[in-house]
Amino acid sequence: MTDAYPLSGNEKEADARQVVERSREAAERRGASASSSPQEARVGRAPTSRGPRRGLALLGAILPAAVLLAWVLATEVVDVPSYNLPSPSDVWLAGVQLAQAGLLGQYVAISVQRVLIGFAIGAGIGIVLGAVVGLSRVGEALLAPSIAAVRAVPSLAWVPLLILYLGIGEDSKITLIAIGAAFPVFTTVAGSLRHVDPQLVEAGRAYGLGPVSLFTTVQLPAVIPSLVSGLRLALAQAWLFLVAAELIASSMGLGFLLTDSQYNGRVDRMFLAIILLALLGTLTDFVLNLLQRVLLRRWR
């Protein structure tokens, strides 16, 4: 007769987390000791100051400032025709006119909504398919060739089919964006899951974790850096597919503003749409970068 009582599912998962964390910390210590010199092991690494980081951050503003300066010089000094290159003030006035008409905010809001919904759907599909392909040889053999073939199809090639099957409403636009967002997540998740430390997986299995608990407790946290990188690529891809999506009989959105301005010869509005797409893409990527830092602190 033994004194030990059988562990519940929650206790097993908690014990597995502890073992996984100890194994991961041990692996990190071994990697750090192997890569550091004896002197670094004695004195440790000095904390990095924030001054150099701020200096490096300011370097990122040099190229945009140089482009803006060249733009101003080309339109004000060289006197390039406005129908070829509008001045920054013309682009600003075009934005003010659209804002006063109540259109600019609507265009930005509808485009952001389409991108975020399509990105969320595509990222979820990419994580599921990446898990199936990355964790199962049968799943890889079954799905990988077909997914590779679908991934090679250009974005505009989907437009006629989506109009035929889903119509010209929001469903076809969001579906196209989701298609573009799914593949970067799928590729990074599938590739990184194949290289998860086998010791972590065995530790989880030794504590009786099932396939789902093993994935959510051990394998998925181990690939968080790769997953967030894939999400950032997917978000950038979603903004790229937005313009193609808003070609589908759209009457609102930044993609519509871009194409409508092309047909009407409003080069200033074309530049405005491009600049807004770049700013929104940069902003959403910055948000995901902050999320990456939070997740890395959580699972470190």
Foldseek 3Di string as FASTA:
>chain_A
DDPDDDDDPVVLLVVLLVVLVVVVVVVVVVVVVVPDDPVCVVPPDDDDDCVVVVVVVVVVVPVVVVVLVVQQCCCPPVNDDCLVRNGPVLLVVVLVVCVVVVAPVQQAVVLVVLLVLLLVLLLVLLLVLLCQLQVDVVSVVVPVVVLVVLVPDDLLVCQVVLCVPPNLDSVSLSPSLSNQLNVLLNVLSSVQLNVFDVVSLVSSVVSPDDPVSSCVSGRVLSSLVSNLVSSLNSSVSSLVSNLSSCVRPHDGHLSCQLVVCVVVSVVSSNVSSVVSSVVVSVVVSVVSVVVSVVSVVVSD
